[in-house]
């Protein structure tokens, strides 16, 4: 599982029929401090995430394990929107206080 920040949407007028109806999002993997890690990528959104939100995503064969992506040509999927992260007994992230949150 990878923490990532949703940075935008990807619109494809023509795409494989198995992806019709799928919402494609541009995501940037990040660490808990919000610093970028690696390159941005495109992921199918299976939970209704929006721009600015911190999400969890998976890649590879795990990306085809959701009900929305099973049997589809998908390599990355957003499967959760992060509300809170606790680390060593302290809150490391809280959605309601996140300055990057849409809204």
C-alpha atoms as a PDB file:
ATOM      1  CA  UNK A   1       0.000   0.000   0.000  1.00  0.00           C
ATOM      2  CA  UNK A   2       1.200   3.458  -0.906  1.00  0.00           C
ATOM      3  CA  UNK A   3       0.272   6.888   0.463  1.00  0.00           C
ATOM      4  CA  UNK A   4      -0.435   9.326  -2.382  1.00  0.00           C
ATOM      5  CA  UNK A   5      -1.924  12.763  -2.905  1.00  0.00           C
ATOM      6  CA  UNK A   6      -4.509  13.212  -5.668  1.00  0.00           C
ATOM      7  CA  UNK A   7      -3.209  16.018  -7.881  1.00  0.00           C
ATOM      8  CA  UNK A   8      -5.627  15.942 -10.797  1.00  0.00           C
ATOM      9  CA  UNK A   9      -7.810  14.004 -13.178  1.00  0.00           C
ATOM     10  CA  UNK A  10      -7.039  12.283 -16.459  1.00  0.00           C
ATOM     11  CA  UNK A  11      -9.651  12.366 -19.222  1.00  0.00           C
ATOM     12  CA  UNK A  12      -9.464   9.876 -22.096  1.00  0.00           C
ATOM     13  CA  UNK A  13     -12.176  10.134 -24.720  1.00  0.00           C
ATOM     14  CA  UNK A  14     -11.073   6.876 -26.332  1.00  0.00           C
ATOM     15  CA  UNK A  15     -10.100   3.974 -24.094  1.00  0.00           C
ATOM     16  CA  UNK A  16     -10.425   0.232 -23.795  1.00  0.00           C
ATOM     17  CA  UNK A  17     -14.071  -0.760 -23.321  1.00  0.00           C
ATOM     18  CA  UNK A  18     -13.202  -2.385 -19.986  1.00  0.00           C
ATOM     19  CA  UNK A  19     -12.269   1.066 -18.657  1.00  0.00           C
ATOM     20  CA  UNK A  20     -15.426   2.882 -19.772  1.00  0.00           C
ATOM     21  CA  UNK A  21     -16.981   4.444 -16.689  1.00  0.00           C
ATOM     22  CA  UNK A  22     -13.719   4.354 -14.727  1.00  0.00           C
ATOM     23  CA  UNK A  23     -12.556   7.629 -13.169  1.00  0.00           C
ATOM     24  CA  UNK A  24      -8.825   8.129 -13.755  1.00  0.00           C
ATOM     25  CA  UNK A  25      -6.861  10.248 -11.299  1.00  0.00           C
ATOM     26  CA  UNK A  26      -3.336  11.649 -11.335  1.00  0.00           C
ATOM     27  CA  UNK A  27      -1.651  10.812  -8.026  1.00  0.00           C
ATOM     28  CA  UNK A  28       1.712  11.670  -6.505  1.00  0.00           C
ATOM     29  CA  UNK A  29       3.137   9.143  -4.021  1.00  0.00           C
ATOM     30  CA  UNK A  30       4.107  10.953  -0.788  1.00  0.00           C
ATOM     31  CA  UNK A  31       5.576  10.311   2.637  1.00  0.00           C
ATOM     32  CA  UNK A  32       3.614  11.166   5.819  1.00  0.00           C
ATOM     33  CA  UNK A  33       5.064  14.673   5.797  1.00  0.00           C
ATOM     34  CA  UNK A  34       3.522  15.151   2.348  1.00  0.00           C
ATOM     35  CA  UNK A  35       6.843  15.225   0.486  1.00  0.00           C
ATOM     36  CA  UNK A  36       6.737  13.685  -3.000  1.00  0.00           C
ATOM     37  CA  UNK A  37       8.292  10.227  -3.419  1.00  0.00           C
ATOM     38  CA  UNK A  38       8.944   9.061  -6.961  1.00  0.00           C
ATOM     39  CA  UNK A  39       7.028   9.897 -10.105  1.00  0.00           C
ATOM     40  CA  UNK A  40       3.330  10.719 -10.460  1.00  0.00           C
ATOM     41  CA  UNK A  41       1.100   7.999 -11.887  1.00  0.00           C
ATOM     42  CA  UNK A  42      -2.423   7.390 -13.097  1.00  0.00           C
ATOM     43  CA  UNK A  43      -4.763   5.298 -10.944  1.00  0.00           C
ATOM     44  CA  UNK A  44      -8.363   4.173 -11.247  1.00  0.00           C
ATOM     45  CA  UNK A  45     -10.457   5.702  -8.460  1.00  0.00           C
ATOM     46  CA  UNK A  46     -12.678   3.077  -6.824  1.00  0.00           C
ATOM     47  CA  UNK A  47     -13.831   5.210  -3.859  1.00  0.00           C
ATOM     48  CA  UNK A  48     -14.698   8.706  -5.113  1.00  0.00           C
ATOM     49  CA  UNK A  49     -11.498  10.512  -4.137  1.00  0.00           C
ATOM     50  CA  UNK A  50     -11.037  14.148  -5.009  1.00  0.00           C
ATOM     51  CA  UNK A  51      -8.189  16.460  -5.829  1.00  0.00           C
ATOM     52  CA  UNK A  52      -5.999  17.241  -2.820  1.00  0.00           C
ATOM     53  CA  UNK A  53      -6.989  14.208  -0.766  1.00  0.00           C
ATOM     54  CA  UNK A  54      -4.521  11.796   0.800  1.00  0.00           C
ATOM     55  CA  UNK A  55      -5.329   8.289  -0.408  1.00  0.00           C
ATOM     56  CA  UNK A  56      -4.060   4.730  -0.291  1.00  0.00           C
ATOM     57  CA  UNK A  57      -3.319   2.960  -3.523  1.00  0.00           C
ATOM     58  CA  UNK A  58      -1.968  -0.370  -4.651  1.00  0.00           C
ATOM     59  CA  UNK A  59      -0.193  -1.346  -7.828  1.00  0.00           C
ATOM     60  CA  UNK A  60       0.354  -4.498  -9.850  1.00  0.00           C
ATOM     61  CA  UNK A  61      -1.877  -7.544  -9.525  1.00  0.00           C
ATOM     62  CA  UNK A  62      -3.379  -6.156  -6.289  1.00  0.00           C
ATOM     63  CA  UNK A  63      -4.862  -3.309  -8.340  1.00  0.00           C
ATOM     64  CA  UNK A  64      -7.161  -5.812 -10.042  1.00  0.00           C
ATOM     65  CA  UNK A  65      -8.634  -7.067  -6.752  1.00  0.00           C
ATOM     66  CA  UNK A  66     -11.380  -4.446  -6.275  1.00  0.00           C
ATOM     67  CA  UNK A  67     -14.912  -4.958  -7.544  1.00  0.00           C
ATOM     68  CA  UNK A  68     -14.458  -2.018  -9.929  1.00  0.00           C
ATOM     69  CA  UNK A  69     -11.150  -3.215 -11.417  1.00  0.00           C
ATOM     70  CA  UNK A  70     -11.423  -7.008 -11.485  1.00  0.00           C
ATOM     71  CA  UNK A  71     -10.512  -8.322 -14.940  1.00  0.00           C
ATOM     72  CA  UNK A  72      -9.578  -4.887 -16.231  1.00  0.00           C
ATOM     73  CA  UNK A  73      -6.237  -3.587 -17.601  1.00  0.00           C
ATOM     74  CA  UNK A  74      -5.333  -1.662 -14.431  1.00  0.00           C
ATOM     75  CA  UNK A  75      -1.941  -1.285 -12.743  1.00  0.00           C
ATOM     76  CA  UNK A  76      -2.867   1.173  -9.967  1.00  0.00           C
ATOM     77  CA  UNK A  77      -6.075   1.753  -8.006  1.00  0.00           C
ATOM     78  CA  UNK A  78      -7.126   4.161  -5.253  1.00  0.00           C
ATOM     79  CA  UNK A  79      -8.944   1.979  -2.741  1.00  0.00           C
ATOM     80  CA  UNK A  80      -9.181   4.235   0.345  1.00  0.00           C
ATOM     81  CA  UNK A  81      -9.310   7.891   1.385  1.00  0.00           C
ATOM     82  CA  UNK A  82      -7.207   8.478   4.489  1.00  0.00           C
ATOM     83  CA  UNK A  83      -8.939  10.073   7.495  1.00  0.00           C
ATOM     84  CA  UNK A  84      -6.304   9.672  10.208  1.00  0.00           C
ATOM     85  CA  UNK A  85      -2.834   8.158  10.623  1.00  0.00           C
ATOM     86  CA  UNK A  86      -1.435   7.479  14.074  1.00  0.00           C
ATOM     87  CA  UNK A  87       2.237   6.707  14.553  1.00  0.00           C
ATOM     88  CA  UNK A  88       3.928   5.995  17.895  1.00  0.00           C
ATOM     89  CA  UNK A  89       0.819   7.096  19.780  1.00  0.00           C
ATOM     90  CA  UNK A  90       0.642  10.471  18.031  1.00  0.00           C
ATOM     91  CA  UNK A  91      -1.514  11.716  15.193  1.00  0.00           C
ATOM     92  CA  UNK A  92       0.725  11.952  12.121  1.00  0.00           C
ATOM     93  CA  UNK A  93      -2.114  12.974   9.772  1.00  0.00           C
ATOM     94  CA  UNK A  94      -5.705  14.104  10.226  1.00  0.00           C
ATOM     95  CA  UNK A  95      -7.907  14.855   7.229  1.00  0.00           C
ATOM     96  CA  UNK A  96      -9.887  17.604   8.944  1.00  0.00           C
ATOM     97  CA  UNK A  97      -6.709  19.634   9.557  1.00  0.00           C
ATOM     98  CA  UNK A  98      -4.984  18.870   6.240  1.00  0.00           C
ATOM     99  CA  UNK A  99      -4.201  22.128   4.424  1.00  0.00           C
ATOM    100  CA  UNK A 100      -4.140  20.244   1.081  1.00  0.00           C
ATOM    101  CA  UNK A 101      -7.650  18.886   1.468  1.00  0.00           C
ATOM    102  CA  UNK A 102     -10.155  20.018  -1.130  1.00  0.00           C
ATOM    103  CA  UNK A 103     -12.962  21.987   0.052  1.00  0.00           C
END
